[in-house]
Amino acid sequence: MKKSVIFLLLALFPLLAAGQGYLSYEKLLTAESMQNVVSFMADDYNTGRASGTPGNSRAEQFITSRFRQLGLKPFNWCYTDSFRYRDSLILRNVAGFIPASRQSDEYIIVSAHYDHIGEIKGTIYNGADDNASGVAALLGLAELYSRMKADGRGPLKNIIFVAFDGKELNLAGSRYFVKHLPVPAGKVVADINMDILGTDLVPTGKNREYLMAIDGGSMPFSCGENLKRLCLKSDYRMDICLTFYGSRDFTRMVYRSGDHSSFARAGIPAVFFTSGFHQHTLKSTDDTDIMDFQLLRKRTLVIFNYINYLFYL
């Protein structure tokens, strides 16, 4: 019995020590920086970022520039991977890479799509929450891990950050990425996908601060339990829901409709983080003024800690 307790403490010690060490990086992420990303992505000038439009290209260039500034390595030789969609449209995924700080052949993929539905009959659909919010989280996490790498303190697994084009075109970007994945699928610990992450419009309970994390049963049970414990801590306190409003059928349908499902179909574990659909989803009213940037920051930090937990699996 004593040996079992000692073994458990030894197993938990790295987690506890890392948790303390990672706190210093959380201060790097600000609500203001996330607002700046969303404001650029969701500006009328980008006319809704529909795939194949100049606004979509500006968003792609913005993400590429930010990856370069943060010191992410081009993934598979180039930040941008272009491909044809139905022979008539060029789509562009953007991927950057942070190698592990120690020898590792395992990968974590952090993803969000950057396209939206564009301009329809003269009305611009800016997609602030869908999914400029996910892009802001993606870039925020890239900054934290970039600084961690520079300090020689992590990450403990290789991390690929990827912004997908063509999500609104039947998940074209993520389907292409998974089909041409240049690392063995069996070495990918998980895809962490973020989509519609920045409002408090559809609470899962009484608390306006909440988060949904849906993994389709692909992740170890301990990951969900760790997430529940994390969301009880005072720094991150919020409701956490591991289903879509408690409905098995709705959860299954939602899980199948996002970029994470491209990974799941390939047998790669995938987690979908979201704050849920709301009255502005796919509407022209999905603009910057509906966002809660402090809450977006807090959710991103919860995801940061979730990823850190995966380092030790």
C-alpha atoms as a PDB file:
ATOM      1  CA  MET A   1       0.000   0.000   0.000  1.00  0.00           C
ATOM      2  CA  LYS A   2       2.806   2.394   0.915  1.00  0.00           C
ATOM      3  CA  LYS A   3       4.568   1.666  -2.385  1.00  0.00           C
ATOM      4  CA  SER A   4       1.364   2.465  -4.303  1.00  0.00           C
ATOM      5  CA  VAL A   5       0.999   5.817  -2.556  1.00  0.00           C
ATOM      6  CA  ILE A   6       4.628   6.707  -3.252  1.00  0.00           C
ATOM      7  CA  PHE A   7       4.245   5.733  -6.895  1.00  0.00           C
ATOM      8  CA  LEU A   8       1.116   7.886  -7.195  1.00  0.00           C
ATOM      9  CA  LEU A   9       2.876  10.888  -5.645  1.00  0.00           C
ATOM     10  CA  LEU A  10       5.833  10.464  -7.963  1.00  0.00           C
ATOM     11  CA  ALA A  11       3.474  10.308 -10.927  1.00  0.00           C
ATOM     12  CA  LEU A  12       1.592  13.419  -9.852  1.00  0.00           C
ATOM     13  CA  PHE A  13       4.640  15.501  -8.936  1.00  0.00           C
ATOM     14  CA  PRO A  14       5.521  16.509 -12.522  1.00  0.00           C
ATOM     15  CA  LEU A  15       1.936  17.650 -13.061  1.00  0.00           C
ATOM     16  CA  LEU A  16       1.900  19.744  -9.908  1.00  0.00           C
ATOM     17  CA  ALA A  17       5.312  21.257 -10.593  1.00  0.00           C
ATOM     18  CA  ALA A  18       4.460  22.005 -14.209  1.00  0.00           C
ATOM     19  CA  GLY A  19       1.177  23.598 -13.203  1.00  0.00           C
ATOM     20  CA  GLN A  20       3.030  26.072 -11.028  1.00  0.00           C
ATOM     21  CA  GLY A  21       5.628  26.718 -13.727  1.00  0.00           C
ATOM     22  CA  TYR A  22       3.069  27.395 -16.442  1.00  0.00           C
ATOM     23  CA  LEU A  23       1.289  30.107 -14.444  1.00  0.00           C
ATOM     24  CA  SER A  24       3.906  32.692 -15.397  1.00  0.00           C
ATOM     25  CA  TYR A  25       3.063  32.257 -19.090  1.00  0.00           C
ATOM     26  CA  GLU A  26      -0.639  32.908 -18.616  1.00  0.00           C
ATOM     27  CA  LYS A  27       0.100  36.565 -17.924  1.00  0.00           C
ATOM     28  CA  LEU A  28       1.344  36.947 -21.495  1.00  0.00           C
ATOM     29  CA  LEU A  29      -2.173  36.466 -22.835  1.00  0.00           C
ATOM     30  CA  THR A  30      -4.362  39.569 -22.613  1.00  0.00           C
ATOM     31  CA  ALA A  31      -7.962  40.286 -23.521  1.00  0.00           C
ATOM     32  CA  GLU A  32      -6.729  43.299 -25.476  1.00  0.00           C
ATOM     33  CA  SER A  33      -4.441  41.225 -27.708  1.00  0.00           C
ATOM     34  CA  MET A  34      -7.277  38.810 -28.423  1.00  0.00           C
ATOM     35  CA  GLN A  35      -9.601  41.696 -29.230  1.00  0.00           C
ATOM     36  CA  ASN A  36      -7.043  43.056 -31.699  1.00  0.00           C
ATOM     37  CA  VAL A  37      -7.011  39.748 -33.572  1.00  0.00           C
ATOM     38  CA  VAL A  38     -10.795  39.479 -33.713  1.00  0.00           C
ATOM     39  CA  SER A  39     -11.149  43.128 -34.748  1.00  0.00           C
ATOM     40  CA  PHE A  40      -8.823  42.593 -37.695  1.00  0.00           C
ATOM     41  CA  MET A  41     -10.311  39.287 -38.782  1.00  0.00           C
ATOM     42  CA  ALA A  42     -13.900  40.525 -38.494  1.00  0.00           C
ATOM     43  CA  ASP A  43     -13.372  43.940 -40.088  1.00  0.00           C
ATOM     44  CA  ASP A  44     -15.735  44.846 -42.933  1.00  0.00           C
ATOM     45  CA  TYR A  45     -12.646  45.310 -45.098  1.00  0.00           C
ATOM     46  CA  ASN A  46     -12.235  41.516 -45.144  1.00  0.00           C
ATOM     47  CA  THR A  47     -15.841  41.066 -46.336  1.00  0.00           C
ATOM     48  CA  GLY A  48     -16.502  37.944 -44.303  1.00  0.00           C
ATOM     49  CA  ARG A  49     -13.359  35.975 -45.276  1.00  0.00           C
ATOM     50  CA  ALA A  50     -15.088  33.626 -47.720  1.00  0.00           C
ATOM     51  CA  SER A  51     -12.634  31.171 -49.289  1.00  0.00           C
ATOM     52  CA  GLY A  52     -11.104  32.459 -52.503  1.00  0.00           C
ATOM     53  CA  THR A  53     -11.755  36.154 -51.771  1.00  0.00           C
ATOM     54  CA  PRO A  54      -9.236  38.958 -51.132  1.00  0.00           C
ATOM     55  CA  GLY A  55     -10.513  39.223 -47.545  1.00  0.00           C
ATOM     56  CA  ASN A  56      -9.773  35.560 -46.973  1.00  0.00           C
ATOM     57  CA  SER A  57      -6.262  36.069 -48.372  1.00  0.00           C
ATOM     58  CA  ARG A  58      -5.675  39.006 -46.030  1.00  0.00           C
ATOM     59  CA  ALA A  59      -6.683  36.823 -43.077  1.00  0.00           C
ATOM     60  CA  GLU A  60      -4.326  34.071 -44.247  1.00  0.00           C
ATOM     61  CA  GLN A  61      -1.457  36.568 -44.580  1.00  0.00           C
ATOM     62  CA  PHE A  62      -2.186  37.979 -41.129  1.00  0.00           C
ATOM     63  CA  ILE A  63      -1.960  34.527 -39.527  1.00  0.00           C
ATOM     64  CA  THR A  64       1.184  33.655 -41.497  1.00  0.00           C
ATOM     65  CA  SER A  65       2.836  36.910 -40.426  1.00  0.00           C
ATOM     66  CA  ARG A  66       1.964  36.270 -36.799  1.00  0.00           C
ATOM     67  CA  PHE A  67       3.364  32.732 -36.896  1.00  0.00           C
ATOM     68  CA  ARG A  68       6.586  34.120 -38.338  1.00  0.00           C
ATOM     69  CA  GLN A  69       6.783  36.877 -35.696  1.00  0.00           C
ATOM     70  CA  LEU A  70       6.330  34.330 -32.918  1.00  0.00           C
ATOM     71  CA  GLY A  71       9.154  32.204 -34.267  1.00  0.00           C
ATOM     72  CA  LEU A  72       7.060  29.191 -35.257  1.00  0.00           C
ATOM     73  CA  LYS A  73       8.790  27.035 -37.814  1.00  0.00           C
ATOM     74  CA  PRO A  74       7.109  26.535 -41.193  1.00  0.00           C
ATOM     75  CA  PHE A  75       5.444  23.166 -41.057  1.00  0.00           C
ATOM     76  CA  ASN A  76       6.367  20.838 -43.923  1.00  0.00           C
ATOM     77  CA  TRP A  77       8.709  23.511 -45.403  1.00  0.00           C
ATOM     78  CA  CYS A  78       6.129  26.279 -45.832  1.00  0.00           C
ATOM     79  CA  TYR A  79       3.603  28.084 -43.624  1.00  0.00           C
ATOM     80  CA  THR A  80       0.908  28.010 -46.317  1.00  0.00           C
ATOM     81  CA  ASP A  81      -0.286  24.832 -47.997  1.00  0.00           C
ATOM     82  CA  SER A  82      -2.450  25.595 -51.049  1.00  0.00           C
ATOM     83  CA  PHE A  83      -4.768  23.114 -52.729  1.00  0.00           C
ATOM     84  CA  ARG A  84      -7.653  23.070 -55.182  1.00  0.00           C
ATOM     85  CA  TYR A  85     -11.240  22.648 -54.139  1.00  0.00           C
ATOM     86  CA  ARG A  86     -13.446  21.200 -56.869  1.00  0.00           C
ATOM     87  CA  ASP A  87     -10.910  22.355 -59.495  1.00  0.00           C
ATOM     88  CA  SER A  88     -12.107  25.958 -59.414  1.00  0.00           C
ATOM     89  CA  LEU A  89     -11.033  27.382 -56.041  1.00  0.00           C
ATOM     90  CA  ILE A  90      -7.665  27.650 -54.333  1.00  0.00           C
ATOM     91  CA  LEU A  91      -7.813  27.127 -50.562  1.00  0.00           C
ATOM     92  CA  ARG A  92      -4.945  27.769 -48.143  1.00  0.00           C
ATOM     93  CA  ASN A  93      -4.251  26.175 -44.795  1.00  0.00           C
ATOM     94  CA  VAL A  94      -1.680  27.900 -42.569  1.00  0.00           C
ATOM     95  CA  ALA A  95       0.492  25.763 -40.276  1.00  0.00           C
ATOM     96  CA  GLY A  96       3.346  26.495 -37.902  1.00  0.00           C
ATOM     97  CA  PHE A  97       5.372  24.207 -35.701  1.00  0.00           C
ATOM     98  CA  ILE A  98       7.000  24.350 -32.270  1.00  0.00           C
ATOM     99  CA  PRO A  99       9.315  21.384 -31.604  1.00  0.00           C
ATOM    100  CA  ALA A 100       9.335  19.774 -28.191  1.00  0.00           C
ATOM    101  CA  SER A 101      12.004  20.978 -25.784  1.00  0.00           C
ATOM    102  CA  ARG A 102      13.151  17.399 -25.287  1.00  0.00           C
ATOM    103  CA  GLN A 103      13.283  14.377 -27.577  1.00  0.00           C
ATOM    104  CA  SER A 104       9.732  13.407 -28.533  1.00  0.00           C
ATOM    105  CA  ASP A 105       8.113  11.720 -31.513  1.00  0.00           C
ATOM    106  CA  GLU A 106       4.588  12.677 -30.402  1.00  0.00           C
ATOM    107  CA  TYR A 107       2.501  15.590 -31.641  1.00  0.00           C
ATOM    108  CA  ILE A 108      -0.393  17.720 -30.452  1.00  0.00           C
ATOM    109  CA  ILE A 109      -2.328  19.620 -33.121  1.00  0.00           C
ATOM    110  CA  VAL A 110      -4.044  22.883 -32.165  1.00  0.00           C
ATOM    111  CA  SER A 111      -6.519  24.074 -34.775  1.00  0.00           C
ATOM    112  CA  ALA A 112      -9.148  26.635 -35.735  1.00  0.00           C
ATOM    113  CA  HIS A 113     -10.662  27.617 -39.066  1.00  0.00           C
ATOM    114  CA  TYR A 114     -10.290  31.186 -40.315  1.00  0.00           C
ATOM    115  CA  ASP A 115     -12.744  31.289 -43.229  1.00  0.00           C
ATOM    116  CA  HIS A 116     -16.373  32.365 -42.977  1.00  0.00           C
ATOM    117  CA  ILE A 117     -19.312  32.746 -45.372  1.00  0.00           C
ATOM    118  CA  GLY A 118     -18.415  36.147 -46.846  1.00  0.00           C
ATOM    119  CA  GLU A 119     -20.788  38.667 -48.393  1.00  0.00           C
ATOM    120  CA  ILE A 120     -24.263  37.628 -49.515  1.00  0.00           C
ATOM    121  CA  LYS A 121     -26.512  39.973 -51.497  1.00  0.00           C
ATOM    122  CA  GLY A 122     -24.564  43.000 -50.285  1.00  0.00           C
ATOM    123  CA  THR A 123     -24.607  41.975 -46.605  1.00  0.00           C
ATOM    124  CA  ILE A 124     -21.273  41.179 -44.952  1.00  0.00           C
ATOM    125  CA  TYR A 125     -21.103  38.243 -42.545  1.00  0.00           C
ATOM    126  CA  ASN A 126     -18.035  39.109 -40.480  1.00  0.00           C
ATOM    127  CA  GLY A 127     -17.890  35.986 -38.333  1.00  0.00           C
ATOM    128  CA  ALA A 128     -16.383  37.509 -35.202  1.00  0.00           C
ATOM    129  CA  ASP A 129     -17.301  34.560 -33.018  1.00  0.00           C
ATOM    130  CA  ASP A 130     -17.355  32.142 -35.962  1.00  0.00           C
ATOM    131  CA  ASN A 131     -14.442  31.861 -36.053  1.00  0.00           C
ATOM    132  CA  ALA A 132     -12.234  34.896 -35.484  1.00  0.00           C
ATOM    133  CA  SER A 133     -12.532  33.952 -31.806  1.00  0.00           C
ATOM    134  CA  GLY A 134     -10.921  30.565 -32.468  1.00  0.00           C
ATOM    135  CA  VAL A 135      -8.121  32.221 -34.448  1.00  0.00           C
ATOM    136  CA  ALA A 136      -7.464  34.587 -31.533  1.00  0.00           C
ATOM    137  CA  ALA A 137      -7.212  31.583 -29.207  1.00  0.00           C
ATOM    138  CA  LEU A 138      -4.951  29.757 -31.683  1.00  0.00           C
ATOM    139  CA  LEU A 139      -2.548  32.714 -31.935  1.00  0.00           C
ATOM    140  CA  GLY A 140      -2.685  33.292 -28.190  1.00  0.00           C
ATOM    141  CA  LEU A 141      -1.684  29.699 -27.474  1.00  0.00           C
ATOM    142  CA  ALA A 142       1.053  29.897 -30.112  1.00  0.00           C
ATOM    143  CA  GLU A 143       2.495  32.895 -28.265  1.00  0.00           C
ATOM    144  CA  LEU A 144       2.494  31.113 -24.898  1.00  0.00           C
ATOM    145  CA  TYR A 145       4.237  28.031 -26.238  1.00  0.00           C
ATOM    146  CA  SER A 146       6.643  30.092 -28.317  1.00  0.00           C
ATOM    147  CA  ARG A 147       7.795  31.908 -25.186  1.00  0.00           C
ATOM    148  CA  MET A 148       7.949  28.636 -23.272  1.00  0.00           C
ATOM    149  CA  LYS A 149      10.154  27.189 -25.995  1.00  0.00           C
ATOM    150  CA  ALA A 150      12.427  30.248 -25.937  1.00  0.00           C
ATOM    151  CA  ASP A 151      12.824  29.822 -22.175  1.00  0.00           C
ATOM    152  CA  GLY A 152      13.708  26.143 -22.572  1.00  0.00           C
ATOM    153  CA  ARG A 153      10.775  25.091 -20.387  1.00  0.00           C
ATOM    154  CA  GLY A 154       8.616  23.309 -22.936  1.00  0.00           C
ATOM    155  CA  PRO A 155       6.561  22.218 -24.682  1.00  0.00           C
ATOM    156  CA  LEU A 156       7.111  18.581 -23.778  1.00  0.00           C
ATOM    157  CA  LYS A 157       5.553  17.338 -27.017  1.00  0.00           C
ATOM    158  CA  ASN A 158       5.758  18.749 -30.543  1.00  0.00           C
ATOM    159  CA  ILE A 159       2.896  21.167 -31.291  1.00  0.00           C
ATOM    160  CA  ILE A 160       1.481  21.919 -34.733  1.00  0.00           C
ATOM    161  CA  PHE A 161      -0.699  25.036 -34.959  1.00  0.00           C
ATOM    162  CA  VAL A 162      -2.957  25.042 -38.007  1.00  0.00           C
ATOM    163  CA  ALA A 163      -5.555  27.533 -39.272  1.00  0.00           C
ATOM    164  CA  PHE A 164      -7.892  25.839 -41.718  1.00  0.00           C
ATOM    165  CA  ASP A 165      -9.451  27.349 -44.805  1.00  0.00           C
ATOM    166  CA  GLY A 166     -12.638  25.875 -46.250  1.00  0.00           C
ATOM    167  CA  LYS A 167     -14.426  24.819 -43.088  1.00  0.00           C
ATOM    168  CA  GLU A 168     -17.580  26.290 -44.591  1.00  0.00           C
ATOM    169  CA  LEU A 169     -16.925  24.172 -47.709  1.00  0.00           C
ATOM    170  CA  ASN A 170     -17.610  20.777 -46.168  1.00  0.00           C
ATOM    171  CA  LEU A 171     -14.517  20.869 -43.944  1.00  0.00           C
ATOM    172  CA  ALA A 172     -12.282  21.007 -47.016  1.00  0.00           C
ATOM    173  CA  GLY A 173      -9.214  22.399 -45.227  1.00  0.00           C
ATOM    174  CA  SER A 174      -9.112  19.907 -42.375  1.00  0.00           C
ATOM    175  CA  ARG A 175      -9.942  16.988 -44.681  1.00  0.00           C
ATOM    176  CA  TYR A 176      -7.009  17.919 -46.904  1.00  0.00           C
ATOM    177  CA  PHE A 177      -4.671  18.422 -43.939  1.00  0.00           C
ATOM    178  CA  VAL A 178      -5.464  15.031 -42.432  1.00  0.00           C
ATOM    179  CA  LYS A 179      -5.216  13.272 -45.795  1.00  0.00           C
ATOM    180  CA  HIS A 180      -1.738  14.745 -46.318  1.00  0.00           C
ATOM    181  CA  LEU A 181      -0.563  14.622 -42.695  1.00  0.00           C
ATOM    182  CA  PRO A 182       3.254  14.394 -42.896  1.00  0.00           C
ATOM    183  CA  VAL A 183       3.606  12.714 -39.503  1.00  0.00           C
ATOM    184  CA  PRO A 184       2.292   9.266 -38.542  1.00  0.00           C
ATOM    185  CA  ALA A 185      -1.321   9.492 -37.383  1.00  0.00           C
ATOM    186  CA  GLY A 186      -0.499   7.138 -34.523  1.00  0.00           C
ATOM    187  CA  LYS A 187       1.950   9.690 -33.143  1.00  0.00           C
ATOM    188  CA  VAL A 188      -0.685  12.438 -32.865  1.00  0.00           C
ATOM    189  CA  VAL A 189      -1.875  12.530 -29.258  1.00  0.00           C
ATOM    190  CA  ALA A 190      -4.865  14.747 -30.077  1.00  0.00           C
ATOM    191  CA  ASP A 191      -6.298  17.527 -32.177  1.00  0.00           C
ATOM    192  CA  ILE A 192      -7.507  20.445 -30.038  1.00  0.00           C
ATOM    193  CA  ASN A 193     -10.014  22.311 -32.199  1.00  0.00           C
ATOM    194  CA  MET A 194     -11.545  25.687 -31.276  1.00  0.00           C
ATOM    195  CA  ASP A 195     -14.615  27.052 -33.017  1.00  0.00           C
ATOM    196  CA  ILE A 196     -17.110  29.688 -31.758  1.00  0.00           C
ATOM    197  CA  LEU A 197     -15.442  30.437 -28.443  1.00  0.00           C
ATOM    198  CA  GLY A 198     -16.098  34.049 -27.524  1.00  0.00           C
ATOM    199  CA  THR A 199     -19.584  34.747 -26.155  1.00  0.00           C
ATOM    200  CA  ASP A 200     -21.691  34.051 -23.067  1.00  0.00           C
ATOM    201  CA  LEU A 201     -25.008  33.943 -24.913  1.00  0.00           C
ATOM    202  CA  VAL A 202     -26.074  30.338 -24.296  1.00  0.00           C
ATOM    203  CA  PRO A 203     -24.992  29.307 -20.770  1.00  0.00           C
ATOM    204  CA  THR A 204     -24.988  25.606 -19.897  1.00  0.00           C
ATOM    205  CA  GLY A 205     -26.289  26.436 -16.413  1.00  0.00           C
ATOM    206  CA  LYS A 206     -26.644  29.415 -14.074  1.00  0.00           C
ATOM    207  CA  ASN A 207     -23.071  30.599 -14.550  1.00  0.00           C
ATOM    208  CA  ARG A 208     -22.543  32.917 -17.538  1.00  0.00           C
ATOM    209  CA  GLU A 209     -18.931  31.752 -17.621  1.00  0.00           C
ATOM    210  CA  TYR A 210     -18.905  28.278 -19.139  1.00  0.00           C
ATOM    211  CA  LEU A 211     -17.133  26.094 -21.686  1.00  0.00           C
ATOM    212  CA  MET A 212     -18.061  23.013 -23.702  1.00  0.00           C
ATOM    213  CA  ALA A 213     -15.471  20.326 -24.430  1.00  0.00           C
ATOM    214  CA  ILE A 214     -16.647  17.441 -26.602  1.00  0.00           C
ATOM    215  CA  ASP A 215     -14.280  14.617 -27.492  1.00  0.00           C
ATOM    216  CA  GLY A 216     -16.603  12.024 -28.987  1.00  0.00           C
ATOM    217  CA  GLY A 217     -15.241   9.426 -26.567  1.00  0.00           C
ATOM    218  CA  SER A 218     -11.818   9.621 -28.204  1.00  0.00           C
ATOM    219  CA  MET A 219      -9.847  10.842 -25.177  1.00  0.00           C
ATOM    220  CA  PRO A 220      -8.917   9.046 -21.937  1.00  0.00           C
ATOM    221  CA  PHE A 221     -11.448   9.414 -19.112  1.00  0.00           C
ATOM    222  CA  SER A 222      -8.816  11.190 -17.011  1.00  0.00           C
ATOM    223  CA  CYS A 223      -8.749  14.131 -19.461  1.00  0.00           C
ATOM    224  CA  GLY A 224     -12.381  15.001 -18.807  1.00  0.00           C
ATOM    225  CA  GLU A 225     -11.951  14.577 -15.069  1.00  0.00           C
ATOM    226  CA  ASN A 226      -8.894  16.814 -15.088  1.00  0.00           C
ATOM    227  CA  LEU A 227     -10.848  19.431 -17.026  1.00  0.00           C
ATOM    228  CA  LYS A 228     -13.634  19.350 -14.445  1.00  0.00           C
ATOM    229  CA  ARG A 229     -11.135  19.844 -11.609  1.00  0.00           C
ATOM    230  CA  LEU A 230      -9.434  22.661 -13.477  1.00  0.00           C
ATOM    231  CA  CYS A 231     -12.710  24.555 -13.935  1.00  0.00           C
ATOM    232  CA  LEU A 232     -13.332  24.410 -10.176  1.00  0.00           C
ATOM    233  CA  LYS A 233     -10.154  26.362  -9.436  1.00  0.00           C
ATOM    234  CA  SER A 234     -10.624  30.015  -8.543  1.00  0.00           C
ATOM    235  CA  ASP A 235      -8.444  31.280 -11.403  1.00  0.00           C
ATOM    236  CA  TYR A 236     -10.528  29.548 -14.070  1.00  0.00           C
ATOM    237  CA  ARG A 237     -13.845  28.958 -12.340  1.00  0.00           C
ATOM    238  CA  MET A 238     -16.561  28.243 -14.872  1.00  0.00           C
ATOM    239  CA  ASP A 239     -19.165  25.642 -15.748  1.00  0.00           C
ATOM    240  CA  ILE A 240     -17.798  22.851 -17.914  1.00  0.00           C
ATOM    241  CA  CYS A 241     -20.050  20.715 -20.086  1.00  0.00           C
ATOM    242  CA  LEU A 242     -18.732  17.578 -21.791  1.00  0.00           C
ATOM    243  CA  THR A 243     -21.839  17.270 -23.965  1.00  0.00           C
ATOM    244  CA  PHE A 244     -23.842  19.680 -26.079  1.00  0.00           C
ATOM    245  CA  TYR A 245     -26.575  20.693 -23.618  1.00  0.00           C
ATOM    246  CA  GLY A 246     -26.930  17.150 -22.332  1.00  0.00           C
ATOM    247  CA  SER A 247     -28.317  15.756 -25.579  1.00  0.00           C
ATOM    248  CA  ARG A 248     -26.580  12.628 -26.888  1.00  0.00           C
ATOM    249  CA  ASP A 249     -27.945  13.050 -30.412  1.00  0.00           C
ATOM    250  CA  PHE A 250     -27.185  16.793 -30.568  1.00  0.00           C
ATOM    251  CA  THR A 251     -23.685  16.159 -29.220  1.00  0.00           C
ATOM    252  CA  ARG A 252     -23.049  13.512 -31.875  1.00  0.00           C
ATOM    253  CA  MET A 253     -24.376  15.771 -34.643  1.00  0.00           C
ATOM    254  CA  VAL A 254     -22.291  18.774 -33.540  1.00  0.00           C
ATOM    255  CA  TYR A 255     -19.155  16.673 -33.161  1.00  0.00           C
ATOM    256  CA  ARG A 256     -19.499  15.383 -36.718  1.00  0.00           C
ATOM    257  CA  SER A 257     -19.908  18.871 -38.186  1.00  0.00           C
ATOM    258  CA  GLY A 258     -16.567  20.462 -37.242  1.00  0.00           C
ATOM    259  CA  ASP A 259     -12.943  20.250 -38.353  1.00  0.00           C
ATOM    260  CA  HIS A 260     -12.120  17.975 -35.410  1.00  0.00           C
ATOM    261  CA  SER A 261     -14.244  15.273 -37.055  1.00  0.00           C
ATOM    262  CA  SER A 262     -11.741  15.057 -39.934  1.00  0.00           C
ATOM    263  CA  PHE A 263      -9.201  13.835 -37.380  1.00  0.00           C
ATOM    264  CA  ALA A 264     -11.653  11.551 -35.606  1.00  0.00           C
ATOM    265  CA  ARG A 265     -12.533   9.817 -38.883  1.00  0.00           C
ATOM    266  CA  ALA A 266      -8.821   9.090 -39.339  1.00  0.00           C
ATOM    267  CA  GLY A 267      -8.640   7.513 -35.881  1.00  0.00           C
ATOM    268  CA  ILE A 268      -6.929  10.518 -34.284  1.00  0.00           C
ATOM    269  CA  PRO A 269      -8.323  11.644 -30.895  1.00  0.00           C
ATOM    270  CA  ALA A 270      -9.935  15.071 -31.191  1.00  0.00           C
ATOM    271  CA  VAL A 271     -11.503  17.546 -28.753  1.00  0.00           C
ATOM    272  CA  PHE A 272     -13.898  20.318 -29.747  1.00  0.00           C
ATOM    273  CA  PHE A 273     -13.846  23.412 -27.508  1.00  0.00           C
ATOM    274  CA  THR A 274     -16.714  25.861 -28.000  1.00  0.00           C
ATOM    275  CA  SER A 275     -19.104  28.224 -26.242  1.00  0.00           C
ATOM    276  CA  GLY A 276     -21.971  27.015 -28.425  1.00  0.00           C
ATOM    277  CA  PHE A 277     -24.230  28.220 -31.179  1.00  0.00           C
ATOM    278  CA  HIS A 278     -26.350  31.317 -30.537  1.00  0.00           C
ATOM    279  CA  GLN A 279     -28.748  33.755 -32.179  1.00  0.00           C
ATOM    280  CA  HIS A 280     -25.910  35.424 -34.103  1.00  0.00           C
ATOM    281  CA  THR A 281     -24.331  32.258 -35.514  1.00  0.00           C
ATOM    282  CA  LEU A 282     -24.163  32.458 -39.331  1.00  0.00           C
ATOM    283  CA  LYS A 283     -25.907  35.837 -39.149  1.00  0.00           C
ATOM    284  CA  SER A 284     -24.675  39.282 -40.166  1.00  0.00           C
ATOM    285  CA  THR A 285     -24.919  40.301 -36.497  1.00  0.00           C
ATOM    286  CA  ASP A 286     -21.956  38.054 -35.573  1.00  0.00           C
ATOM    287  CA  ASP A 287     -19.722  41.069 -35.065  1.00  0.00           C
ATOM    288  CA  THR A 288     -17.103  42.221 -32.581  1.00  0.00           C
ATOM    289  CA  ASP A 289     -19.621  43.879 -30.269  1.00  0.00           C
ATOM    290  CA  ILE A 290     -21.152  40.534 -29.195  1.00  0.00           C
ATOM    291  CA  MET A 291     -17.804  39.245 -27.895  1.00  0.00           C
ATOM    292  CA  ASP A 292     -16.646  38.908 -24.287  1.00  0.00           C
ATOM    293  CA  PHE A 293     -12.865  39.125 -24.549  1.00  0.00           C
ATOM    294  CA  GLN A 294     -12.136  38.561 -20.880  1.00  0.00           C
ATOM    295  CA  LEU A 295     -14.115  35.347 -21.035  1.00  0.00           C
ATOM    296  CA  LEU A 296     -12.413  34.358 -24.299  1.00  0.00           C
ATOM    297  CA  ARG A 297      -9.071  34.813 -22.548  1.00  0.00           C
ATOM    298  CA  LYS A 298     -10.141  32.675 -19.595  1.00  0.00           C
ATOM    299  CA  ARG A 299     -11.397  29.894 -21.861  1.00  0.00           C
ATOM    300  CA  THR A 300      -8.120  29.956 -23.786  1.00  0.00           C
ATOM    301  CA  LEU A 301      -6.191  29.563 -20.543  1.00  0.00           C
ATOM    302  CA  VAL A 302      -8.318  26.546 -19.608  1.00  0.00           C
ATOM    303  CA  ILE A 303      -7.440  25.024 -22.997  1.00  0.00           C
ATOM    304  CA  PHE A 304      -3.767  25.892 -22.361  1.00  0.00           C
ATOM    305  CA  ASN A 305      -3.852  23.899 -19.133  1.00  0.00           C
ATOM    306  CA  TYR A 306      -5.688  21.039 -20.832  1.00  0.00           C
ATOM    307  CA  ILE A 307      -2.903  20.823 -23.428  1.00  0.00           C
ATOM    308  CA  ASN A 308      -0.280  20.924 -20.684  1.00  0.00           C
ATOM    309  CA  TYR A 309      -1.964  17.924 -19.086  1.00  0.00           C
ATOM    310  CA  LEU A 310      -1.590  16.026 -22.367  1.00  0.00           C
ATOM    311  CA  PHE A 311       2.200  16.403 -22.147  1.00  0.00           C
ATOM    312  CA  TYR A 312       2.210  13.768 -19.408  1.00  0.00           C
ATOM    313  CA  LEU A 313      -0.027  11.163 -21.054  1.00  0.00           C
END
